[in-house]
Structures are given as structure tokens and as C-alpha cells.
Amino acid sequence: MNPSRKIYKYILEVTDEQIKELPAGAEFLHVGIQGSYPSSIQLWAIVDPSADPEQRRFIIHGTGHPVARSLHASAHIGTVITPGGHLVWHVFDGGTVEEL
């Protein structure tokens, strides 16, 4: 067990693409909606808070929306279904900004 690693939560806006700063080497665990944040998506990750920060690109597509060509090289993190099941979002890791 590495005592410097912790599970952190990050908030993703419901938008096609965004960049967030996370500690390098973040391991994504889960995406979902948590109680008081119904208009955003939460991302839980195992991180080493002392690691250098890196800019990561996140891509969010709704079911039935056109898929960008760049999405094919992205790793699927998870799918989020809103309460009541009216909207479904698919969250992808687009990699570090330097990789693009």
C-alpha cells in the first residue's frame, strides 16, 4: 500500500470536451452523479497528490450524439445515467494535452 495515494473526486461539466488538471498518473475509478451536483458529473480517481500536475482532456458524449473521430483513440471511463434515466452520458479520457 502506498500511503501517499488517495482517492479524490473531480467535477466534470456536462460539455463535449474539457481540460482538467490532475496529478500525473491518476487512475480513474468511477464516474457518476452525486446528490447535490445534478448538473455535473463526478469523477473519482486514485491520485498521488504530491505528483506533478498534468492537463487531461475529458470528452463527454450523450447517447445518440455524433461521435468525433478523435474519440476512437480515447479510453472509455464510464457511463453516467441521470436520475430518472432521461439522459445518458459516456465519459472518455482523451489523454494528456501534451499527447495530442
N, C-alpha and C. Protein backbone atom coordinates (compact mmCIF):
# COMPACT_ATOMS: atom_id res chain seq x y z
N MET A 1 0.85 -1.19 0.00
CA MET A 1 0.00 0.00 0.00
C MET A 1 0.89 1.24 0.00
N ASN A 2 0.55 2.18 -0.85
CA ASN A 2 1.29 3.44 -0.94
C ASN A 2 0.51 4.49 -0.16
N PRO A 3 1.00 4.91 1.02
CA PRO A 3 0.23 5.85 1.85
C PRO A 3 0.06 7.24 1.24
N SER A 4 0.86 7.57 0.22
CA SER A 4 0.71 8.90 -0.38
C SER A 4 -0.43 8.95 -1.40
N ARG A 5 -0.93 7.79 -1.82
CA ARG A 5 -2.03 7.76 -2.78
C ARG A 5 -3.37 7.89 -2.06
N LYS A 6 -4.27 8.64 -2.67
CA LYS A 6 -5.58 8.90 -2.07
C LYS A 6 -6.63 8.87 -3.18
N ILE A 7 -7.88 8.71 -2.77
CA ILE A 7 -8.99 8.81 -3.73
C ILE A 7 -9.53 10.23 -3.65
N TYR A 8 -9.53 10.91 -4.79
CA TYR A 8 -10.05 12.27 -4.89
C TYR A 8 -11.23 12.28 -5.85
N LYS A 9 -12.07 13.30 -5.69
CA LYS A 9 -13.22 13.49 -6.58
C LYS A 9 -13.01 14.78 -7.36
N TYR A 10 -13.33 14.73 -8.64
CA TYR A 10 -13.23 15.89 -9.52
C TYR A 10 -14.58 16.10 -10.19
N ILE A 11 -14.95 17.35 -10.40
CA ILE A 11 -16.23 17.67 -11.03
C ILE A 11 -16.00 17.96 -12.51
N LEU A 12 -16.75 17.27 -13.36
CA LEU A 12 -16.72 17.49 -14.80
C LEU A 12 -18.01 18.19 -15.21
N GLU A 13 -17.89 19.21 -16.01
CA GLU A 13 -19.07 19.88 -16.54
C GLU A 13 -19.65 19.01 -17.66
N VAL A 14 -20.95 19.11 -17.86
CA VAL A 14 -21.59 18.37 -18.94
C VAL A 14 -21.42 19.20 -20.21
N THR A 15 -20.30 18.96 -20.88
CA THR A 15 -19.95 19.64 -22.12
C THR A 15 -19.15 18.67 -22.97
N ASP A 16 -19.08 18.89 -24.26
CA ASP A 16 -18.44 17.93 -25.16
C ASP A 16 -16.99 17.63 -24.79
N GLU A 17 -16.24 18.66 -24.44
CA GLU A 17 -14.82 18.47 -24.18
C GLU A 17 -14.34 19.50 -23.15
N GLN A 18 -13.44 19.07 -22.30
CA GLN A 18 -12.88 19.98 -21.30
C GLN A 18 -11.51 19.48 -20.86
N ILE A 19 -10.76 20.38 -20.26
CA ILE A 19 -9.43 20.03 -19.75
C ILE A 19 -9.43 20.30 -18.26
N LYS A 20 -8.91 19.33 -17.51
CA LYS A 20 -8.82 19.43 -16.05
C LYS A 20 -7.38 19.13 -15.64
N GLU A 21 -6.93 19.78 -14.58
CA GLU A 21 -5.61 19.49 -14.05
C GLU A 21 -5.73 18.45 -12.95
N LEU A 22 -4.99 17.36 -13.09
CA LEU A 22 -4.95 16.28 -12.11
C LEU A 22 -3.49 15.92 -11.86
N PRO A 23 -3.20 15.28 -10.73
CA PRO A 23 -1.84 14.79 -10.53
C PRO A 23 -1.50 13.74 -11.59
N ALA A 24 -0.26 13.76 -12.07
CA ALA A 24 0.18 12.80 -13.08
C ALA A 24 -0.03 11.38 -12.57
N GLY A 25 -0.43 10.50 -13.48
CA GLY A 25 -0.61 9.09 -13.14
C GLY A 25 -1.94 8.76 -12.50
N ALA A 26 -2.91 9.66 -12.55
CA ALA A 26 -4.23 9.41 -11.95
C ALA A 26 -4.85 8.15 -12.55
N GLU A 27 -5.43 7.31 -11.70
CA GLU A 27 -6.13 6.10 -12.13
C GLU A 27 -7.62 6.31 -11.92
N PHE A 28 -8.39 6.30 -12.99
CA PHE A 28 -9.81 6.59 -12.92
C PHE A 28 -10.57 5.38 -12.39
N LEU A 29 -11.45 5.64 -11.41
CA LEU A 29 -12.22 4.59 -10.76
C LEU A 29 -13.66 4.53 -11.22
N HIS A 30 -14.31 5.71 -11.26
CA HIS A 30 -15.76 5.72 -11.47
C HIS A 30 -16.20 7.12 -11.87
N VAL A 31 -17.27 7.20 -12.66
CA VAL A 31 -17.96 8.45 -12.92
C VAL A 31 -19.41 8.28 -12.53
N GLY A 32 -20.02 9.34 -12.04
CA GLY A 32 -21.41 9.26 -11.63
C GLY A 32 -21.95 10.63 -11.26
N ILE A 33 -23.16 10.63 -10.76
CA ILE A 33 -23.80 11.85 -10.26
C ILE A 33 -23.99 11.66 -8.77
N GLN A 34 -23.60 12.67 -8.01
CA GLN A 34 -23.73 12.59 -6.57
C GLN A 34 -24.68 13.68 -6.09
N GLY A 35 -25.65 13.30 -5.33
CA GLY A 35 -26.67 14.13 -4.71
C GLY A 35 -26.79 15.59 -5.08
N SER A 36 -25.92 16.44 -4.54
CA SER A 36 -26.11 17.88 -4.68
C SER A 36 -25.52 18.43 -5.97
N TYR A 37 -25.05 17.58 -6.86
CA TYR A 37 -24.46 18.04 -8.12
C TYR A 37 -25.22 17.49 -9.33
N PRO A 38 -26.52 17.69 -9.44
CA PRO A 38 -27.26 17.05 -10.52
C PRO A 38 -26.92 17.55 -11.91
N SER A 39 -26.28 18.72 -12.04
CA SER A 39 -25.97 19.25 -13.37
C SER A 39 -24.51 19.04 -13.75
N SER A 40 -23.81 18.21 -13.01
CA SER A 40 -22.42 17.91 -13.33
C SER A 40 -22.15 16.42 -13.10
N ILE A 41 -21.00 15.99 -13.57
CA ILE A 41 -20.58 14.60 -13.43
C ILE A 41 -19.39 14.58 -12.48
N GLN A 42 -19.35 13.63 -11.58
CA GLN A 42 -18.22 13.48 -10.68
C GLN A 42 -17.34 12.35 -11.18
N LEU A 43 -16.03 12.55 -11.06
CA LEU A 43 -15.03 11.57 -11.45
C LEU A 43 -14.20 11.26 -10.21
N TRP A 44 -14.13 9.98 -9.84
CA TRP A 44 -13.30 9.56 -8.72
C TRP A 44 -12.04 8.92 -9.28
N ALA A 45 -10.90 9.27 -8.70
CA ALA A 45 -9.62 8.75 -9.18
C ALA A 45 -8.67 8.52 -8.02
N ILE A 46 -7.80 7.53 -8.17
CA ILE A 46 -6.71 7.34 -7.22
C ILE A 46 -5.56 8.20 -7.71
N VAL A 47 -5.08 9.08 -6.84
CA VAL A 47 -4.02 10.00 -7.22
C VAL A 47 -2.95 10.05 -6.13
N ASP A 48 -1.78 10.48 -6.53
CA ASP A 48 -0.72 10.84 -5.59
C ASP A 48 -0.70 12.36 -5.58
N PRO A 49 -1.24 12.99 -4.54
CA PRO A 49 -1.35 14.45 -4.53
C PRO A 49 -0.01 15.17 -4.68
N SER A 50 1.09 14.48 -4.37
CA SER A 50 2.41 15.12 -4.48
C SER A 50 2.98 15.01 -5.91
N ALA A 51 2.33 14.28 -6.80
CA ALA A 51 2.81 14.14 -8.18
C ALA A 51 2.66 15.46 -8.92
N ASP A 52 3.51 15.66 -9.91
CA ASP A 52 3.40 16.86 -10.73
C ASP A 52 2.03 16.91 -11.40
N PRO A 53 1.45 18.08 -11.53
CA PRO A 53 0.14 18.17 -12.19
C PRO A 53 0.28 18.01 -13.70
N GLU A 54 -0.77 17.49 -14.33
CA GLU A 54 -0.82 17.40 -15.78
C GLU A 54 -2.22 17.78 -16.24
N GLN A 55 -2.30 18.30 -17.44
CA GLN A 55 -3.57 18.69 -18.04
C GLN A 55 -4.14 17.47 -18.77
N ARG A 56 -5.37 17.07 -18.41
CA ARG A 56 -6.01 15.92 -19.06
C ARG A 56 -7.28 16.37 -19.77
N ARG A 57 -7.50 15.78 -20.91
CA ARG A 57 -8.68 16.10 -21.71
C ARG A 57 -9.76 15.05 -21.42
N PHE A 58 -10.98 15.52 -21.19
CA PHE A 58 -12.13 14.64 -20.98
C PHE A 58 -13.17 14.95 -22.05
N ILE A 59 -13.74 13.90 -22.61
CA ILE A 59 -14.73 14.02 -23.67
C ILE A 59 -16.02 13.38 -23.17
N ILE A 60 -17.13 14.08 -23.34
CA ILE A 60 -18.42 13.57 -22.89
C ILE A 60 -19.38 13.59 -24.08
N HIS A 61 -19.96 12.43 -24.36
CA HIS A 61 -20.93 12.31 -25.45
C HIS A 61 -22.22 11.73 -24.91
N GLY A 62 -23.33 12.31 -25.32
CA GLY A 62 -24.63 11.77 -24.97
C GLY A 62 -25.00 10.65 -25.92
N THR A 63 -25.84 9.75 -25.47
CA THR A 63 -26.33 8.67 -26.33
C THR A 63 -27.05 9.30 -27.53
N GLY A 64 -26.70 8.81 -28.72
CA GLY A 64 -27.33 9.30 -29.94
C GLY A 64 -26.64 10.51 -30.56
N HIS A 65 -25.65 11.08 -29.88
CA HIS A 65 -24.93 12.24 -30.43
C HIS A 65 -23.85 11.76 -31.39
N PRO A 66 -23.49 12.57 -32.36
CA PRO A 66 -22.40 12.20 -33.28
C PRO A 66 -21.10 12.00 -32.51
N VAL A 67 -20.29 11.05 -32.96
CA VAL A 67 -19.02 10.73 -32.31
C VAL A 67 -17.88 11.32 -33.13
N ALA A 68 -17.06 12.13 -32.49
CA ALA A 68 -15.91 12.73 -33.16
C ALA A 68 -14.87 11.67 -33.49
N ARG A 69 -14.16 11.85 -34.58
CA ARG A 69 -13.11 10.90 -35.00
C ARG A 69 -12.08 10.73 -33.90
N SER A 70 -11.73 11.80 -33.19
CA SER A 70 -10.71 11.75 -32.14
C SER A 70 -11.13 10.85 -30.98
N LEU A 71 -12.42 10.58 -30.86
CA LEU A 71 -12.91 9.76 -29.76
C LEU A 71 -12.44 8.32 -29.87
N HIS A 72 -12.18 7.85 -31.06
CA HIS A 72 -11.79 6.45 -31.24
C HIS A 72 -10.48 6.10 -30.55
N ALA A 73 -9.63 7.09 -30.32
CA ALA A 73 -8.35 6.84 -29.64
C ALA A 73 -8.46 7.07 -28.14
N SER A 74 -9.64 7.35 -27.66
CA SER A 74 -9.85 7.67 -26.24
C SER A 74 -10.35 6.46 -25.47
N ALA A 75 -9.96 6.39 -24.21
CA ALA A 75 -10.38 5.28 -23.35
C ALA A 75 -11.69 5.63 -22.65
N HIS A 76 -12.64 4.70 -22.68
CA HIS A 76 -13.92 4.90 -22.01
C HIS A 76 -13.72 4.76 -20.50
N ILE A 77 -14.11 5.78 -19.75
CA ILE A 77 -14.01 5.75 -18.29
C ILE A 77 -15.27 5.15 -17.70
N GLY A 78 -16.42 5.57 -18.22
CA GLY A 78 -17.68 5.07 -17.70
C GLY A 78 -18.86 5.79 -18.30
N THR A 79 -20.04 5.32 -17.93
CA THR A 79 -21.30 5.88 -18.42
C THR A 79 -22.10 6.36 -17.22
N VAL A 80 -22.72 7.52 -17.38
CA VAL A 80 -23.50 8.14 -16.30
C VAL A 80 -24.94 8.25 -16.76
N ILE A 81 -25.85 7.76 -15.94
CA ILE A 81 -27.28 7.85 -16.22
C ILE A 81 -27.89 8.79 -15.19
N THR A 82 -28.58 9.83 -15.66
CA THR A 82 -29.16 10.79 -14.74
C THR A 82 -30.31 10.16 -13.97
N PRO A 83 -30.64 10.72 -12.81
CA PRO A 83 -31.79 10.21 -12.06
C PRO A 83 -33.03 10.24 -12.95
N GLY A 84 -33.77 9.17 -12.97
CA GLY A 84 -34.94 9.06 -13.83
C GLY A 84 -34.59 8.49 -15.20
N GLY A 85 -33.32 8.40 -15.52
CA GLY A 85 -32.87 7.80 -16.77
C GLY A 85 -33.12 8.60 -18.02
N HIS A 86 -33.36 9.91 -17.90
CA HIS A 86 -33.68 10.72 -19.06
C HIS A 86 -32.48 11.03 -19.94
N LEU A 87 -31.29 11.16 -19.33
CA LEU A 87 -30.08 11.47 -20.08
C LEU A 87 -29.00 10.45 -19.74
N VAL A 88 -28.21 10.10 -20.75
CA VAL A 88 -27.10 9.16 -20.56
C VAL A 88 -25.87 9.77 -21.20
N TRP A 89 -24.80 9.91 -20.41
CA TRP A 89 -23.55 10.48 -20.89
C TRP A 89 -22.45 9.43 -20.82
N HIS A 90 -21.59 9.42 -21.81
CA HIS A 90 -20.47 8.49 -21.88
C HIS A 90 -19.20 9.33 -21.74
N VAL A 91 -18.38 9.01 -20.75
CA VAL A 91 -17.20 9.81 -20.42
C VAL A 91 -15.94 9.08 -20.88
N PHE A 92 -15.09 9.82 -21.60
CA PHE A 92 -13.86 9.27 -22.16
C PHE A 92 -12.65 10.08 -21.70
N ASP A 93 -11.53 9.38 -21.53
CA ASP A 93 -10.26 10.01 -21.22
C ASP A 93 -9.56 10.29 -22.53
N GLY A 94 -9.38 11.56 -22.85
CA GLY A 94 -8.71 11.94 -24.08
C GLY A 94 -7.21 12.05 -23.95
N GLY A 95 -6.66 11.68 -22.80
CA GLY A 95 -5.21 11.70 -22.59
C GLY A 95 -4.72 13.06 -22.14
N THR A 96 -3.41 13.13 -21.97
CA THR A 96 -2.83 14.41 -21.55
C THR A 96 -2.80 15.36 -22.73
N VAL A 97 -2.83 16.62 -22.45
CA VAL A 97 -2.85 17.62 -23.51
C VAL A 97 -1.57 17.52 -24.34
N GLU A 98 -0.45 17.19 -23.73
CA GLU A 98 0.82 17.07 -24.45
C GLU A 98 0.82 15.91 -25.44
N GLU A 99 0.00 14.87 -25.19
CA GLU A 99 -0.05 13.71 -26.07
C GLU A 99 -0.79 13.99 -27.36
N LEU A 100 -1.56 15.06 -27.40
CA LEU A 100 -2.43 15.32 -28.56
C LEU A 100 -1.73 16.12 -29.63
